[in-house]
């Protein structure tokens, strides 16, 4: 008997597309998590500076910290650059505030406004460091530390932003002024920082980092970076000022030469 040509054949067994232990009926082995390498938090001052500039404020444990050294290291390169910008008697006017012309005021010389912003930030740093030290139990402060801290707060300078003059820009003395402003808290802070256990980011570590790189963008390190970022523009303006001075000198020499030639012709001496 001939098979019905329309007879439906039995379905062919399908091959699973799955591979691996599950397809073979084996129990899957547990996936082993790779260990996460711990973040290195122990930093010297230079390493901490680099971390803060990258935004790592809560991952820094200071092995040592000297507030005077920090202010000096941040500001001294700026002072050297400013002295070179103002060499040869070159004076650049701060053109960022156009309203001075409406008021008839004389523009500030560059870059004193930026340096005064840094001075204000250093004043804020001093206050923040005093607050951080005051939060530490007196037993953890060096001998006499509480009394010294109280004396710092009583000092008239504690409520006043250090003053920076134009002469300070030429001499570079403004850096010494700012270093002196944090000097009263520097030694006790350094002693407390050095006594902290390694490998643990303390509240004091975070307070120091956040005082230098503030959330509002007005910390010492941030003000320093803003001024450093203006130097290419200021150097270009200095170069133009020097070119203008050279052109004016050449013009004056040419005019003097013409005057002499006219005088010689009039006297028939040429």
C-alpha atoms as a PDB file:
ATOM      1  CA  UNK A   1       0.000   0.000   0.000  1.00  0.00           C
ATOM      2  CA  UNK A   2       1.427   3.305  -1.029  1.00  0.00           C
ATOM      3  CA  UNK A   3       2.016   5.767   1.763  1.00  0.00           C
ATOM      4  CA  UNK A   4      -0.212   8.781   1.758  1.00  0.00           C
ATOM      5  CA  UNK A   5       1.860  11.516   0.160  1.00  0.00           C
ATOM      6  CA  UNK A   6       0.184  14.024   2.464  1.00  0.00           C
ATOM      7  CA  UNK A   7       1.026  12.095   5.565  1.00  0.00           C
ATOM      8  CA  UNK A   8       2.703  14.422   8.063  1.00  0.00           C
ATOM      9  CA  UNK A   9       6.104  13.211   9.016  1.00  0.00           C
ATOM     10  CA  UNK A  10       7.096  13.095  12.654  1.00  0.00           C
ATOM     11  CA  UNK A  11       9.011  16.202  13.683  1.00  0.00           C
ATOM     12  CA  UNK A  12      12.760  15.840  13.604  1.00  0.00           C
ATOM     13  CA  UNK A  13      14.459  16.279  16.960  1.00  0.00           C
ATOM     14  CA  UNK A  14      15.749  19.801  17.433  1.00  0.00           C
ATOM     15  CA  UNK A  15      19.274  20.554  18.510  1.00  0.00           C
ATOM     16  CA  UNK A  16      19.519  22.966  21.375  1.00  0.00           C
ATOM     17  CA  UNK A  17      21.220  26.214  20.551  1.00  0.00           C
ATOM     18  CA  UNK A  18      22.434  26.481  24.122  1.00  0.00           C
ATOM     19  CA  UNK A  19      25.933  25.441  24.965  1.00  0.00           C
ATOM     20  CA  UNK A  20      27.847  25.235  28.151  1.00  0.00           C
ATOM     21  CA  UNK A  21      27.191  23.489  31.465  1.00  0.00           C
ATOM     22  CA  UNK A  22      23.456  24.295  31.528  1.00  0.00           C
ATOM     23  CA  UNK A  23      22.901  22.636  28.143  1.00  0.00           C
ATOM     24  CA  UNK A  24      24.794  19.566  29.291  1.00  0.00           C
ATOM     25  CA  UNK A  25      22.775  19.337  32.450  1.00  0.00           C
ATOM     26  CA  UNK A  26      25.725  20.340  34.577  1.00  0.00           C
ATOM     27  CA  UNK A  27      25.513  22.698  37.530  1.00  0.00           C
ATOM     28  CA  UNK A  28      26.956  26.096  36.663  1.00  0.00           C
ATOM     29  CA  UNK A  29      30.049  26.951  38.617  1.00  0.00           C
ATOM     30  CA  UNK A  30      29.941  30.119  40.692  1.00  0.00           C
ATOM     31  CA  UNK A  31      31.572  33.117  39.017  1.00  0.00           C
ATOM     32  CA  UNK A  32      34.550  34.261  40.992  1.00  0.00           C
ATOM     33  CA  UNK A  33      34.645  38.010  41.551  1.00  0.00           C
ATOM     34  CA  UNK A  34      37.945  39.648  40.880  1.00  0.00           C
ATOM     35  CA  UNK A  35      39.240  41.385  43.994  1.00  0.00           C
ATOM     36  CA  UNK A  36      39.064  45.182  43.823  1.00  0.00           C
ATOM     37  CA  UNK A  37      42.425  46.753  44.383  1.00  0.00           C
ATOM     38  CA  UNK A  38      42.215  49.139  47.346  1.00  0.00           C
ATOM     39  CA  UNK A  39      42.760  52.835  46.677  1.00  0.00           C
ATOM     40  CA  UNK A  40      46.054  54.117  48.014  1.00  0.00           C
ATOM     41  CA  UNK A  41      45.150  56.956  50.350  1.00  0.00           C
ATOM     42  CA  UNK A  42      48.502  57.646  52.022  1.00  0.00           C
ATOM     43  CA  UNK A  43      49.974  60.754  50.378  1.00  0.00           C
ATOM     44  CA  UNK A  44      52.750  63.232  50.923  1.00  0.00           C
ATOM     45  CA  UNK A  45      51.922  66.874  50.204  1.00  0.00           C
ATOM     46  CA  UNK A  46      52.908  66.761  46.533  1.00  0.00           C
ATOM     47  CA  UNK A  47      50.915  63.565  45.888  1.00  0.00           C
ATOM     48  CA  UNK A  48      47.931  64.982  47.771  1.00  0.00           C
ATOM     49  CA  UNK A  49      48.056  68.120  45.629  1.00  0.00           C
ATOM     50  CA  UNK A  50      47.826  66.024  42.463  1.00  0.00           C
ATOM     51  CA  UNK A  51      44.916  64.007  43.861  1.00  0.00           C
ATOM     52  CA  UNK A  52      42.996  67.108  44.884  1.00  0.00           C
ATOM     53  CA  UNK A  53      43.432  68.660  41.449  1.00  0.00           C
ATOM     54  CA  UNK A  54      41.866  65.491  40.007  1.00  0.00           C
ATOM     55  CA  UNK A  55      38.867  65.858  42.329  1.00  0.00           C
ATOM     56  CA  UNK A  56      39.826  63.202  44.889  1.00  0.00           C
ATOM     57  CA  UNK A  57      39.142  65.113  48.099  1.00  0.00           C
ATOM     58  CA  UNK A  58      37.914  62.255  50.296  1.00  0.00           C
ATOM     59  CA  UNK A  59      40.558  59.751  49.228  1.00  0.00           C
ATOM     60  CA  UNK A  60      43.567  61.558  50.692  1.00  0.00           C
ATOM     61  CA  UNK A  61      45.269  60.731  53.976  1.00  0.00           C
ATOM     62  CA  UNK A  62      48.072  63.170  54.706  1.00  0.00           C
ATOM     63  CA  UNK A  63      51.251  61.536  55.946  1.00  0.00           C
ATOM     64  CA  UNK A  64      52.458  65.067  56.687  1.00  0.00           C
ATOM     65  CA  UNK A  65      51.090  68.540  56.094  1.00  0.00           C
ATOM     66  CA  UNK A  66      52.647  71.956  56.585  1.00  0.00           C
ATOM     67  CA  UNK A  67      50.302  74.862  55.834  1.00  0.00           C
ATOM     68  CA  UNK A  68      53.174  77.315  55.315  1.00  0.00           C
ATOM     69  CA  UNK A  69      54.839  74.987  52.805  1.00  0.00           C
ATOM     70  CA  UNK A  70      51.538  74.457  50.974  1.00  0.00           C
ATOM     71  CA  UNK A  71      50.867  78.176  50.541  1.00  0.00           C
ATOM     72  CA  UNK A  72      54.470  78.844  49.523  1.00  0.00           C
ATOM     73  CA  UNK A  73      54.608  75.972  47.012  1.00  0.00           C
ATOM     74  CA  UNK A  74      51.335  77.057  45.407  1.00  0.00           C
ATOM     75  CA  UNK A  75      52.091  80.778  45.244  1.00  0.00           C
ATOM     76  CA  UNK A  76      55.849  81.105  44.690  1.00  0.00           C
ATOM     77  CA  UNK A  77      55.752  80.054  40.994  1.00  0.00           C
ATOM     78  CA  UNK A  78      53.038  82.679  40.433  1.00  0.00           C
ATOM     79  CA  UNK A  79      55.160  85.363  42.083  1.00  0.00           C
ATOM     80  CA  UNK A  80      58.110  84.548  39.822  1.00  0.00           C
ATOM     81  CA  UNK A  81      55.870  84.739  36.741  1.00  0.00           C
ATOM     82  CA  UNK A  82      54.346  88.039  37.857  1.00  0.00           C
ATOM     83  CA  UNK A  83      57.779  89.574  38.390  1.00  0.00           C
ATOM     84  CA  UNK A  84      58.783  88.607  34.851  1.00  0.00           C
ATOM     85  CA  UNK A  85      55.511  90.028  33.470  1.00  0.00           C
ATOM     86  CA  UNK A  86      56.172  93.369  35.176  1.00  0.00           C
ATOM     87  CA  UNK A  87      59.893  93.519  34.355  1.00  0.00           C
ATOM     88  CA  UNK A  88      61.267  96.474  32.346  1.00  0.00           C
ATOM     89  CA  UNK A  89      58.560  98.718  33.772  1.00  0.00           C
ATOM     90  CA  UNK A  90      55.769  97.037  31.795  1.00  0.00           C
ATOM     91  CA  UNK A  91      52.383  97.696  33.391  1.00  0.00           C
ATOM     92  CA  UNK A  92      49.242  96.045  32.058  1.00  0.00           C
ATOM     93  CA  UNK A  93      45.807  97.421  32.919  1.00  0.00           C
ATOM     94  CA  UNK A  94      43.113  95.013  34.115  1.00  0.00           C
ATOM     95  CA  UNK A  95      40.536  95.363  31.333  1.00  0.00           C
ATOM     96  CA  UNK A  96      37.980  92.907  32.752  1.00  0.00           C
ATOM     97  CA  UNK A  97      35.817  95.565  34.441  1.00  0.00           C
ATOM     98  CA  UNK A  98      34.552  97.983  31.784  1.00  0.00           C
ATOM     99  CA  UNK A  99      32.479  99.936  34.318  1.00  0.00           C
ATOM    100  CA  UNK A 100      35.631 101.656  35.603  1.00  0.00           C
ATOM    101  CA  UNK A 101      35.677 103.781  32.450  1.00  0.00           C
ATOM    102  CA  UNK A 102      32.084 104.881  33.051  1.00  0.00           C
ATOM    103  CA  UNK A 103      33.013 105.857  36.606  1.00  0.00           C
ATOM    104  CA  UNK A 104      36.215 107.540  35.486  1.00  0.00           C
ATOM    105  CA  UNK A 105      38.337 105.289  37.699  1.00  0.00           C
ATOM    106  CA  UNK A 106      41.862 104.149  36.948  1.00  0.00           C
ATOM    107  CA  UNK A 107      41.998 100.410  36.115  1.00  0.00           C
ATOM    108  CA  UNK A 108      43.854  98.125  38.484  1.00  0.00           C
ATOM    109  CA  UNK A 109      47.272  96.885  37.372  1.00  0.00           C
ATOM    110  CA  UNK A 110      47.504  93.253  36.345  1.00  0.00           C
ATOM    111  CA  UNK A 111      47.263  90.862  38.074  1.00  0.00           C
ATOM    112  CA  UNK A 112      46.706  92.397  41.511  1.00  0.00           C
ATOM    113  CA  UNK A 113      43.005  91.557  41.525  1.00  0.00           C
ATOM    114  CA  UNK A 114      43.814  87.858  41.090  1.00  0.00           C
ATOM    115  CA  UNK A 115      46.465  87.951  43.819  1.00  0.00           C
ATOM    116  CA  UNK A 116      44.017  89.620  46.189  1.00  0.00           C
ATOM    117  CA  UNK A 117      41.540  86.825  45.443  1.00  0.00           C
ATOM    118  CA  UNK A 118      44.252  84.347  46.429  1.00  0.00           C
ATOM    119  CA  UNK A 119      44.848  86.342  49.630  1.00  0.00           C
ATOM    120  CA  UNK A 120      41.134  86.097  50.413  1.00  0.00           C
ATOM    121  CA  UNK A 121      41.262  82.337  49.828  1.00  0.00           C
ATOM    122  CA  UNK A 122      44.288  81.988  52.142  1.00  0.00           C
ATOM    123  CA  UNK A 123      42.329  83.881  54.795  1.00  0.00           C
ATOM    124  CA  UNK A 124      39.509  81.370  54.325  1.00  0.00           C
ATOM    125  CA  UNK A 125      42.034  78.541  54.604  1.00  0.00           C
ATOM    126  CA  UNK A 126      43.273  79.862  57.944  1.00  0.00           C
ATOM    127  CA  UNK A 127      39.712  79.997  59.280  1.00  0.00           C
ATOM    128  CA  UNK A 128      38.921  76.488  58.041  1.00  0.00           C
ATOM    129  CA  UNK A 129      42.081  75.044  59.616  1.00  0.00           C
ATOM    130  CA  UNK A 130      41.271  76.699  62.948  1.00  0.00           C
ATOM    131  CA  UNK A 131      37.758  75.219  62.793  1.00  0.00           C
ATOM    132  CA  UNK A 132      39.167  71.765  61.990  1.00  0.00           C
ATOM    133  CA  UNK A 133      41.639  71.898  64.892  1.00  0.00           C
ATOM    134  CA  UNK A 134      38.958  73.156  67.292  1.00  0.00           C
ATOM    135  CA  UNK A 135      36.858  70.074  66.463  1.00  0.00           C
ATOM    136  CA  UNK A 136      39.640  67.765  67.673  1.00  0.00           C
ATOM    137  CA  UNK A 137      39.533  66.618  71.327  1.00  0.00           C
ATOM    138  CA  UNK A 138      42.006  68.722  73.372  1.00  0.00           C
ATOM    139  CA  UNK A 139      43.795  65.538  74.461  1.00  0.00           C
ATOM    140  CA  UNK A 140      44.841  64.952  70.841  1.00  0.00           C
ATOM    141  CA  UNK A 141      46.347  68.430  70.467  1.00  0.00           C
ATOM    142  CA  UNK A 142      49.991  69.156  71.328  1.00  0.00           C
ATOM    143  CA  UNK A 143      50.664  70.588  74.797  1.00  0.00           C
ATOM    144  CA  UNK A 144      49.281  74.099  74.951  1.00  0.00           C
ATOM    145  CA  UNK A 145      47.537  73.645  71.611  1.00  0.00           C
ATOM    146  CA  UNK A 146      44.112  74.730  72.862  1.00  0.00           C
ATOM    147  CA  UNK A 147      45.518  77.952  74.337  1.00  0.00           C
ATOM    148  CA  UNK A 148      47.445  78.723  71.143  1.00  0.00           C
ATOM    149  CA  UNK A 149      44.322  78.117  69.095  1.00  0.00           C
ATOM    150  CA  UNK A 150      42.356  80.520  71.289  1.00  0.00           C
ATOM    151  CA  UNK A 151      45.113  83.124  70.868  1.00  0.00           C
ATOM    152  CA  UNK A 152      44.878  82.765  67.082  1.00  0.00           C
ATOM    153  CA  UNK A 153      41.139  83.478  67.208  1.00  0.00           C
ATOM    154  CA  UNK A 154      41.676  86.505  69.475  1.00  0.00           C
ATOM    155  CA  UNK A 155      44.283  87.934  67.115  1.00  0.00           C
ATOM    156  CA  UNK A 156      43.010  90.909  65.092  1.00  0.00           C
ATOM    157  CA  UNK A 157      44.588  89.375  61.967  1.00  0.00           C
ATOM    158  CA  UNK A 158      42.202  86.417  62.236  1.00  0.00           C
ATOM    159  CA  UNK A 159      39.301  88.537  60.976  1.00  0.00           C
ATOM    160  CA  UNK A 160      41.232  90.493  58.340  1.00  0.00           C
ATOM    161  CA  UNK A 161      42.215  89.439  54.825  1.00  0.00           C
ATOM    162  CA  UNK A 162      45.969  89.994  54.357  1.00  0.00           C
ATOM    163  CA  UNK A 163      46.696  93.114  52.306  1.00  0.00           C
ATOM    164  CA  UNK A 164      48.672  92.925  49.065  1.00  0.00           C
ATOM    165  CA  UNK A 165      50.064  96.075  47.429  1.00  0.00           C
ATOM    166  CA  UNK A 166      51.349  96.714  43.920  1.00  0.00           C
ATOM    167  CA  UNK A 167      54.879  96.943  45.322  1.00  0.00           C
ATOM    168  CA  UNK A 168      54.423  93.407  46.681  1.00  0.00           C
ATOM    169  CA  UNK A 169      53.857  92.213  43.108  1.00  0.00           C
ATOM    170  CA  UNK A 170      57.190  93.654  42.002  1.00  0.00           C
ATOM    171  CA  UNK A 171      59.149  92.222  44.942  1.00  0.00           C
ATOM    172  CA  UNK A 172      57.263  88.933  45.301  1.00  0.00           C
ATOM    173  CA  UNK A 173      56.778  89.735  49.000  1.00  0.00           C
ATOM    174  CA  UNK A 174      53.058  88.954  48.797  1.00  0.00           C
ATOM    175  CA  UNK A 175      53.889  85.251  49.098  1.00  0.00           C
ATOM    176  CA  UNK A 176      55.630  85.886  52.430  1.00  0.00           C
ATOM    177  CA  UNK A 177      52.585  87.870  53.591  1.00  0.00           C
ATOM    178  CA  UNK A 178      50.276  84.932  52.849  1.00  0.00           C
ATOM    179  CA  UNK A 179      52.624  82.362  54.390  1.00  0.00           C
ATOM    180  CA  UNK A 180      52.774  84.457  57.574  1.00  0.00           C
ATOM    181  CA  UNK A 181      48.965  84.479  57.690  1.00  0.00           C
ATOM    182  CA  UNK A 182      48.742  80.676  58.127  1.00  0.00           C
ATOM    183  CA  UNK A 183      51.914  80.330  60.217  1.00  0.00           C
ATOM    184  CA  UNK A 184      50.106  80.560  63.612  1.00  0.00           C
ATOM    185  CA  UNK A 185      48.213  77.292  62.955  1.00  0.00           C
ATOM    186  CA  UNK A 186      50.826  75.473  60.880  1.00  0.00           C
ATOM    187  CA  UNK A 187      52.921  73.792  63.596  1.00  0.00           C
ATOM    188  CA  UNK A 188      50.025  72.401  65.665  1.00  0.00           C
ATOM    189  CA  UNK A 189      48.238  71.190  62.532  1.00  0.00           C
ATOM    190  CA  UNK A 190      51.404  69.438  61.340  1.00  0.00           C
ATOM    191  CA  UNK A 191      51.772  67.682  64.715  1.00  0.00           C
ATOM    192  CA  UNK A 192      48.169  66.420  64.729  1.00  0.00           C
ATOM    193  CA  UNK A 193      48.376  65.221  61.121  1.00  0.00           C
ATOM    194  CA  UNK A 194      51.629  63.336  61.777  1.00  0.00           C
ATOM    195  CA  UNK A 195      50.080  61.546  64.786  1.00  0.00           C
ATOM    196  CA  UNK A 196      47.151  60.118  62.797  1.00  0.00           C
ATOM    197  CA  UNK A 197      47.062  56.381  61.971  1.00  0.00           C
ATOM    198  CA  UNK A 198      48.155  55.561  58.431  1.00  0.00           C
ATOM    199  CA  UNK A 199      45.764  54.261  55.814  1.00  0.00           C
ATOM    200  CA  UNK A 200      42.651  55.914  57.262  1.00  0.00           C
ATOM    201  CA  UNK A 201      41.130  59.079  55.823  1.00  0.00           C
ATOM    202  CA  UNK A 202      40.123  61.107  58.872  1.00  0.00           C
ATOM    203  CA  UNK A 203      37.704  64.000  59.229  1.00  0.00           C
ATOM    204  CA  UNK A 204      40.762  66.243  59.564  1.00  0.00           C
ATOM    205  CA  UNK A 205      42.181  64.953  56.259  1.00  0.00           C
ATOM    206  CA  UNK A 206      38.901  65.750  54.503  1.00  0.00           C
ATOM    207  CA  UNK A 207      38.708  69.179  56.159  1.00  0.00           C
ATOM    208  CA  UNK A 208      42.211  70.076  54.956  1.00  0.00           C
ATOM    209  CA  UNK A 209      41.473  68.921  51.392  1.00  0.00           C
ATOM    210  CA  UNK A 210      38.143  70.737  51.244  1.00  0.00           C
ATOM    211  CA  UNK A 211      39.695  73.916  52.659  1.00  0.00           C
ATOM    212  CA  UNK A 212      42.222  73.963  49.808  1.00  0.00           C
ATOM    213  CA  UNK A 213      39.755  72.949  47.068  1.00  0.00           C
ATOM    214  CA  UNK A 214      36.412  74.372  48.135  1.00  0.00           C
ATOM    215  CA  UNK A 215      33.023  73.340  46.779  1.00  0.00           C
ATOM    216  CA  UNK A 216      32.337  76.926  45.672  1.00  0.00           C
ATOM    217  CA  UNK A 217      35.489  76.935  43.525  1.00  0.00           C
ATOM    218  CA  UNK A 218      37.167  79.634  45.638  1.00  0.00           C
ATOM    219  CA  UNK A 219      39.770  77.580  47.487  1.00  0.00           C
ATOM    220  CA  UNK A 220      43.454  78.513  47.440  1.00  0.00           C
ATOM    221  CA  UNK A 221      44.366  75.823  44.910  1.00  0.00           C
ATOM    222  CA  UNK A 222      41.503  76.870  42.633  1.00  0.00           C
ATOM    223  CA  UNK A 223      42.335  80.588  42.758  1.00  0.00           C
ATOM    224  CA  UNK A 224      45.967  79.739  42.011  1.00  0.00           C
ATOM    225  CA  UNK A 225      44.918  77.626  39.023  1.00  0.00           C
ATOM    226  CA  UNK A 226      42.714  80.434  37.672  1.00  0.00           C
ATOM    227  CA  UNK A 227      45.564  82.945  37.769  1.00  0.00           C
ATOM    228  CA  UNK A 228      47.987  80.441  36.226  1.00  0.00           C
ATOM    229  CA  UNK A 229      45.474  79.937  33.417  1.00  0.00           C
ATOM    230  CA  UNK A 230      45.579  83.677  32.630  1.00  0.00           C
ATOM    231  CA  UNK A 231      49.348  83.832  32.189  1.00  0.00           C
ATOM    232  CA  UNK A 232      49.391  82.968  28.443  1.00  0.00           C
ATOM    233  CA  UNK A 233      47.068  85.931  27.755  1.00  0.00           C
ATOM    234  CA  UNK A 234      49.113  88.244  29.996  1.00  0.00           C
ATOM    235  CA  UNK A 235      52.388  87.169  28.365  1.00  0.00           C
ATOM    236  CA  UNK A 236      50.907  87.895  24.923  1.00  0.00           C
ATOM    237  CA  UNK A 237      49.808  91.351  26.096  1.00  0.00           C
ATOM    238  CA  UNK A 238      53.274  91.991  27.506  1.00  0.00           C
ATOM    239  CA  UNK A 239      54.837  91.074  24.154  1.00  0.00           C
ATOM    240  CA  UNK A 240      52.524  93.540  22.390  1.00  0.00           C
ATOM    241  CA  UNK A 241      53.398  96.221  24.924  1.00  0.00           C
ATOM    242  CA  UNK A 242      57.103  95.654  24.274  1.00  0.00           C
ATOM    243  CA  UNK A 243      56.504  95.822  20.515  1.00  0.00           C
ATOM    244  CA  UNK A 244      54.585  99.064  20.971  1.00  0.00           C
ATOM    245  CA  UNK A 245      57.378 100.501  23.089  1.00  0.00           C
ATOM    246  CA  UNK A 246      59.969  99.562  20.448  1.00  0.00           C
ATOM    247  CA  UNK A 247      57.828 101.113  17.682  1.00  0.00           C
ATOM    248  CA  UNK A 248      57.389 104.331  19.691  1.00  0.00           C
ATOM    249  CA  UNK A 249      61.146 104.516  20.327  1.00  0.00           C
ATOM    250  CA  UNK A 250      61.857 104.020  16.605  1.00  0.00           C
ATOM    251  CA  UNK A 251      59.332 106.729  15.707  1.00  0.00           C
ATOM    252  CA  UNK A 252      60.875 109.141  18.201  1.00  0.00           C
ATOM    253  CA  UNK A 253      64.339 108.448  16.804  1.00  0.00           C
ATOM    254  CA  UNK A 254      63.085 108.997  13.234  1.00  0.00           C
ATOM    255  CA  UNK A 255      61.422 112.291  14.146  1.00  0.00           C
ATOM    256  CA  UNK A 256      64.544 113.503  15.924  1.00  0.00           C
ATOM    257  CA  UNK A 257      66.627 112.620  12.875  1.00  0.00           C
ATOM    258  CA  UNK A 258      64.248 114.594  10.643  1.00  0.00           C
ATOM    259  CA  UNK A 259      64.408 117.591  13.010  1.00  0.00           C
ATOM    260  CA  UNK A 260      68.214 117.598  12.886  1.00  0.00           C
ATOM    261  CA  UNK A 261      68.228 117.353   9.086  1.00  0.00           C
ATOM    262  CA  UNK A 262      65.785 120.285   8.787  1.00  0.00           C
ATOM    263  CA  UNK A 263      67.881 122.384  11.141  1.00  0.00           C
ATOM    264  CA  UNK A 264      71.061 121.630   9.174  1.00  0.00           C
ATOM    265  CA  UNK A 265      69.357 122.544   5.879  1.00  0.00           C
ATOM    266  CA  UNK A 266      68.028 125.812   7.271  1.00  0.00           C
ATOM    267  CA  UNK A 267      71.510 126.748   8.440  1.00  0.00           C
ATOM    268  CA  UNK A 268      72.996 125.497   5.178  1.00  0.00           C
ATOM    269  CA  UNK A 269      75.225 123.176   7.105  1.00  0.00           C
ATOM    270  CA  UNK A 270      74.243 120.016   5.324  1.00  0.00           C
END
